[in-house]
Amino acid sequence: MDSFEFQLTMFMKGAEELPKKINHLNDLRLQIKIALLTIWSVSIGWAISANSLSIAFVGYCIIIGFLGPDTLVRASQEFYIDKLFDIYLFLNDREKLEHSFKVKEIPKGIVYPIVFKISALANEKRREVYSAIKILSFLSYPTIYIPYLFLSLCNFLVILFLI
């Protein structure tokens, strides 16, 4: 097996694994949301039953505590979606595809794009994917900020109810 055949095999395996990785991260986000709703509901129910304003404020801590992991998983998922899109563009560009088979080399970055390091992104345009770690970058993801905003509003209404 020469190097091109090996690259081609790894390319095909990577193309098969990317959707699995994206779905796994989607399942992880769902588990984060379920845990958030469970813990938040328990704390708010406890605050209402104990008629305790201080316990109601714990709801905000819970919301903020789950915001970081959810944003990080979403940013990782976006990285894999971008890699899958790069493969899609490569496979649908007939000229690049023919050139790749002619020179027997697949372009860098799409051979087996499953594993990545943050330092590997330093020279790429996708550095903004990891801006999700920064404060307030979750606002670029409506699937994140809408549920958290709704829970914050509900928490605020509970606090008003307890005052």
C-alpha atoms as a PDB file:
ATOM      1  CA  MET A   1       0.000   0.000   0.000  1.00  0.00           C
ATOM      2  CA  ASP A   2       1.534   3.294  -1.047  1.00  0.00           C
ATOM      3  CA  SER A   3       1.063   6.579   0.792  1.00  0.00           C
ATOM      4  CA  PHE A   4      -1.780   7.766  -1.459  1.00  0.00           C
ATOM      5  CA  GLU A   5      -3.803   4.603  -0.899  1.00  0.00           C
ATOM      6  CA  PHE A   6      -3.249   4.992   2.826  1.00  0.00           C
ATOM      7  CA  GLN A   7      -4.363   8.657   2.659  1.00  0.00           C
ATOM      8  CA  LEU A   8      -7.408   7.630   0.634  1.00  0.00           C
ATOM      9  CA  THR A   9      -8.333   4.945   3.172  1.00  0.00           C
ATOM     10  CA  MET A  10      -7.920   7.351   6.072  1.00  0.00           C
ATOM     11  CA  PHE A  11      -9.910   9.995   4.151  1.00  0.00           C
ATOM     12  CA  MET A  12     -12.820   7.580   3.737  1.00  0.00           C
ATOM     13  CA  LYS A  13     -12.685   6.547   7.394  1.00  0.00           C
ATOM     14  CA  GLY A  14     -12.595  10.185   8.469  1.00  0.00           C
ATOM     15  CA  ALA A  15     -15.547  11.028   6.244  1.00  0.00           C
ATOM     16  CA  GLU A  16     -17.492   8.192   7.902  1.00  0.00           C
ATOM     17  CA  GLU A  17     -16.516   9.199  11.442  1.00  0.00           C
ATOM     18  CA  LEU A  18     -17.304  12.923  11.238  1.00  0.00           C
ATOM     19  CA  PRO A  19     -21.127  12.565  11.273  1.00  0.00           C
ATOM     20  CA  LYS A  20     -20.808  10.110  14.178  1.00  0.00           C
ATOM     21  CA  LYS A  21     -18.677  12.616  16.094  1.00  0.00           C
ATOM     22  CA  ILE A  22     -21.170  15.426  15.406  1.00  0.00           C
ATOM     23  CA  ASN A  23     -24.076  13.249  16.574  1.00  0.00           C
ATOM     24  CA  HIS A  24     -22.157  12.254  19.702  1.00  0.00           C
ATOM     25  CA  LEU A  25     -21.582  15.913  20.561  1.00  0.00           C
ATOM     26  CA  ASN A  26     -25.261  16.603  19.892  1.00  0.00           C
ATOM     27  CA  ASP A  27     -26.186  13.839  22.352  1.00  0.00           C
ATOM     28  CA  LEU A  28     -23.753  15.323  24.869  1.00  0.00           C
ATOM     29  CA  ARG A  29     -25.409  18.746  24.519  1.00  0.00           C
ATOM     30  CA  LEU A  30     -28.804  17.121  25.092  1.00  0.00           C
ATOM     31  CA  GLN A  31     -27.504  15.466  28.264  1.00  0.00           C
ATOM     32  CA  ILE A  32     -26.143  18.826  29.455  1.00  0.00           C
ATOM     33  CA  LYS A  33     -29.539  20.445  28.886  1.00  0.00           C
ATOM     34  CA  ILE A  34     -31.364  17.611  30.677  1.00  0.00           C
ATOM     35  CA  ALA A  35     -29.029  17.877  33.664  1.00  0.00           C
ATOM     36  CA  LEU A  36     -29.475  21.660  33.703  1.00  0.00           C
ATOM     37  CA  LEU A  37     -33.263  21.437  33.666  1.00  0.00           C
ATOM     38  CA  THR A  38     -33.298  18.751  36.356  1.00  0.00           C
ATOM     39  CA  ILE A  39     -30.981  20.539  38.768  1.00  0.00           C
ATOM     40  CA  TRP A  40     -32.521  23.962  38.099  1.00  0.00           C
ATOM     41  CA  SER A  41     -36.075  22.638  38.581  1.00  0.00           C
ATOM     42  CA  VAL A  42     -35.113  21.005  41.869  1.00  0.00           C
ATOM     43  CA  SER A  43     -33.499  24.188  43.181  1.00  0.00           C
ATOM     44  CA  ILE A  44     -36.437  26.378  42.136  1.00  0.00           C
ATOM     45  CA  GLY A  45     -38.934  23.904  43.594  1.00  0.00           C
ATOM     46  CA  TRP A  46     -36.978  23.891  46.828  1.00  0.00           C
ATOM     47  CA  ALA A  47     -36.869  27.704  46.857  1.00  0.00           C
ATOM     48  CA  ILE A  48     -40.639  27.946  46.389  1.00  0.00           C
ATOM     49  CA  SER A  49     -41.477  25.247  48.949  1.00  0.00           C
ATOM     50  CA  ALA A  50     -39.085  26.725  51.520  1.00  0.00           C
ATOM     51  CA  ASN A  51     -40.124  30.255  50.559  1.00  0.00           C
ATOM     52  CA  SER A  52     -36.415  31.136  50.458  1.00  0.00           C
ATOM     53  CA  LEU A  53     -35.151  33.967  48.318  1.00  0.00           C
ATOM     54  CA  SER A  54     -31.515  32.972  48.780  1.00  0.00           C
ATOM     55  CA  ILE A  55     -32.138  29.485  47.351  1.00  0.00           C
ATOM     56  CA  ALA A  56     -33.814  31.082  44.333  1.00  0.00           C
ATOM     57  CA  PHE A  57     -30.597  32.954  43.579  1.00  0.00           C
ATOM     58  CA  VAL A  58     -28.813  29.599  43.377  1.00  0.00           C
ATOM     59  CA  GLY A  59     -30.790  29.076  40.160  1.00  0.00           C
ATOM     60  CA  TYR A  60     -28.680  31.737  38.471  1.00  0.00           C
ATOM     61  CA  CYS A  61     -25.487  29.993  39.603  1.00  0.00           C
ATOM     62  CA  ILE A  62     -26.774  26.752  38.107  1.00  0.00           C
ATOM     63  CA  ILE A  63     -27.620  28.445  34.809  1.00  0.00           C
ATOM     64  CA  ILE A  64     -24.202  30.103  34.574  1.00  0.00           C
ATOM     65  CA  GLY A  65     -22.473  26.867  35.588  1.00  0.00           C
ATOM     66  CA  PHE A  66     -23.994  24.906  32.721  1.00  0.00           C
ATOM     67  CA  LEU A  67     -23.493  27.668  30.160  1.00  0.00           C
ATOM     68  CA  GLY A  68     -19.740  27.103  29.809  1.00  0.00           C
ATOM     69  CA  PRO A  69     -19.753  23.369  29.041  1.00  0.00           C
ATOM     70  CA  ASP A  70     -22.686  23.740  26.660  1.00  0.00           C
ATOM     71  CA  THR A  71     -20.892  26.506  24.749  1.00  0.00           C
ATOM     72  CA  LEU A  72     -17.651  24.541  24.586  1.00  0.00           C
ATOM     73  CA  VAL A  73     -19.375  21.428  23.237  1.00  0.00           C
ATOM     74  CA  ARG A  74     -21.216  23.541  20.649  1.00  0.00           C
ATOM     75  CA  ALA A  75     -17.934  25.143  19.527  1.00  0.00           C
ATOM     76  CA  SER A  76     -16.346  21.703  19.145  1.00  0.00           C
ATOM     77  CA  GLN A  77     -19.355  20.546  17.183  1.00  0.00           C
ATOM     78  CA  GLU A  78     -19.019  23.543  14.892  1.00  0.00           C
ATOM     79  CA  PHE A  79     -15.375  22.627  14.238  1.00  0.00           C
ATOM     80  CA  TYR A  80     -16.398  19.152  13.069  1.00  0.00           C
ATOM     81  CA  ILE A  81     -19.210  20.575  10.948  1.00  0.00           C
ATOM     82  CA  ASP A  82     -16.677  22.874   9.249  1.00  0.00           C
ATOM     83  CA  LYS A  83     -14.390  19.886   8.591  1.00  0.00           C
ATOM     84  CA  LEU A  84     -17.299  17.961   7.081  1.00  0.00           C
ATOM     85  CA  PHE A  85     -18.082  20.974   4.901  1.00  0.00           C
ATOM     86  CA  ASP A  86     -14.423  21.079   3.748  1.00  0.00           C
ATOM     87  CA  ILE A  87     -14.714  17.441   2.675  1.00  0.00           C
ATOM     88  CA  TYR A  88     -17.974  18.219   0.884  1.00  0.00           C
ATOM     89  CA  LEU A  89     -16.341  21.094  -1.007  1.00  0.00           C
ATOM     90  CA  PHE A  90     -13.362  18.937  -1.944  1.00  0.00           C
ATOM     91  CA  LEU A  91     -15.513  16.075  -3.216  1.00  0.00           C
ATOM     92  CA  ASN A  92     -17.716  18.402  -5.253  1.00  0.00           C
ATOM     93  CA  ASP A  93     -14.829  20.278  -6.888  1.00  0.00           C
ATOM     94  CA  ARG A  94     -14.083  18.108  -9.902  1.00  0.00           C
ATOM     95  CA  GLU A  95     -10.876  19.955 -10.763  1.00  0.00           C
ATOM     96  CA  LYS A  96      -9.373  19.569  -7.262  1.00  0.00           C
ATOM     97  CA  LEU A  97     -10.459  15.951  -7.109  1.00  0.00           C
ATOM     98  CA  GLU A  98      -8.883  15.068 -10.470  1.00  0.00           C
ATOM     99  CA  HIS A  99      -5.720  16.971  -9.538  1.00  0.00           C
ATOM    100  CA  SER A 100      -5.561  15.087  -6.252  1.00  0.00           C
ATOM    101  CA  PHE A 101      -5.723  11.712  -8.009  1.00  0.00           C
ATOM    102  CA  LYS A 102      -3.258  12.887 -10.637  1.00  0.00           C
ATOM    103  CA  VAL A 103      -0.575  13.941  -8.122  1.00  0.00           C
ATOM    104  CA  LYS A 104      -1.670  11.166  -5.723  1.00  0.00           C
ATOM    105  CA  GLU A 105      -2.075  13.406  -2.704  1.00  0.00           C
ATOM    106  CA  ILE A 106      -5.115  14.499  -0.745  1.00  0.00           C
ATOM    107  CA  PRO A 107      -5.073  18.129   0.516  1.00  0.00           C
ATOM    108  CA  LYS A 108      -3.810  18.700   4.030  1.00  0.00           C
ATOM    109  CA  GLY A 109      -6.393  18.867   6.786  1.00  0.00           C
ATOM    110  CA  ILE A 110      -9.032  16.553   5.358  1.00  0.00           C
ATOM    111  CA  VAL A 111      -7.250  13.189   5.355  1.00  0.00           C
ATOM    112  CA  TYR A 112      -8.393  12.140   8.830  1.00  0.00           C
ATOM    113  CA  PRO A 113      -9.958  15.249  10.406  1.00  0.00           C
ATOM    114  CA  ILE A 114     -11.323  13.577  13.536  1.00  0.00           C
ATOM    115  CA  VAL A 115      -8.737  14.619  16.105  1.00  0.00           C
ATOM    116  CA  PHE A 116      -7.653  18.215  16.541  1.00  0.00           C
ATOM    117  CA  LYS A 117      -5.637  20.295  18.935  1.00  0.00           C
ATOM    118  CA  ILE A 118      -6.202  23.916  19.824  1.00  0.00           C
ATOM    119  CA  SER A 119      -2.589  24.672  18.914  1.00  0.00           C
ATOM    120  CA  ALA A 120      -3.190  23.221  15.454  1.00  0.00           C
ATOM    121  CA  LEU A 121      -5.791  25.912  14.873  1.00  0.00           C
ATOM    122  CA  ALA A 122      -3.339  28.741  15.463  1.00  0.00           C
ATOM    123  CA  ASN A 123      -2.441  29.023  11.779  1.00  0.00           C
ATOM    124  CA  GLU A 124      -5.917  28.350  10.421  1.00  0.00           C
ATOM    125  CA  LYS A 125      -8.903  30.587   9.822  1.00  0.00           C
ATOM    126  CA  ARG A 126     -11.018  28.540  12.242  1.00  0.00           C
ATOM    127  CA  ARG A 127      -9.494  30.155  15.306  1.00  0.00           C
ATOM    128  CA  GLU A 128     -12.803  31.929  15.878  1.00  0.00           C
ATOM    129  CA  VAL A 129     -14.411  28.555  16.723  1.00  0.00           C
ATOM    130  CA  TYR A 130     -12.614  28.704  20.035  1.00  0.00           C
ATOM    131  CA  SER A 131     -13.779  32.229  20.719  1.00  0.00           C
ATOM    132  CA  ALA A 132     -16.732  30.431  22.321  1.00  0.00           C
ATOM    133  CA  ILE A 133     -14.549  30.080  25.396  1.00  0.00           C
ATOM    134  CA  LYS A 134     -14.545  33.856  25.795  1.00  0.00           C
ATOM    135  CA  ILE A 135     -17.218  35.593  27.830  1.00  0.00           C
ATOM    136  CA  LEU A 136     -20.449  36.486  25.966  1.00  0.00           C
ATOM    137  CA  SER A 137     -19.521  34.507  22.841  1.00  0.00           C
ATOM    138  CA  PHE A 138     -22.448  32.178  23.574  1.00  0.00           C
ATOM    139  CA  LEU A 139     -24.608  34.942  22.094  1.00  0.00           C
ATOM    140  CA  SER A 140     -23.571  33.787  18.615  1.00  0.00           C
ATOM    141  CA  TYR A 141     -25.439  30.498  19.176  1.00  0.00           C
ATOM    142  CA  PRO A 142     -29.234  30.942  19.444  1.00  0.00           C
ATOM    143  CA  THR A 143     -29.639  27.283  20.433  1.00  0.00           C
ATOM    144  CA  ILE A 144     -27.654  28.122  23.536  1.00  0.00           C
ATOM    145  CA  TYR A 145     -28.740  31.582  24.606  1.00  0.00           C
ATOM    146  CA  ILE A 146     -32.513  31.165  24.075  1.00  0.00           C
ATOM    147  CA  PRO A 147     -33.001  28.299  26.597  1.00  0.00           C
ATOM    148  CA  TYR A 148     -30.644  29.922  29.103  1.00  0.00           C
ATOM    149  CA  LEU A 149     -32.368  33.272  28.670  1.00  0.00           C
ATOM    150  CA  PHE A 150     -35.745  31.598  29.201  1.00  0.00           C
ATOM    151  CA  LEU A 151     -34.542  29.910  32.389  1.00  0.00           C
ATOM    152  CA  SER A 152     -33.087  33.211  33.617  1.00  0.00           C
ATOM    153  CA  LEU A 153     -36.439  34.897  33.008  1.00  0.00           C
ATOM    154  CA  CYS A 154     -38.258  32.102  34.878  1.00  0.00           C
ATOM    155  CA  ASN A 155     -35.753  32.423  37.716  1.00  0.00           C
ATOM    156  CA  PHE A 156     -36.393  36.171  37.824  1.00  0.00           C
ATOM    157  CA  LEU A 157     -40.159  35.583  37.993  1.00  0.00           C
ATOM    158  CA  VAL A 158     -39.688  33.146  40.879  1.00  0.00           C
ATOM    159  CA  ILE A 159     -37.607  35.727  42.718  1.00  0.00           C
ATOM    160  CA  LEU A 160     -40.344  38.327  42.171  1.00  0.00           C
ATOM    161  CA  PHE A 161     -42.891  35.823  43.461  1.00  0.00           C
ATOM    162  CA  LEU A 162     -40.851  35.209  46.617  1.00  0.00           C
ATOM    163  CA  ILE A 163     -40.316  38.907  47.413  1.00  0.00           C
END
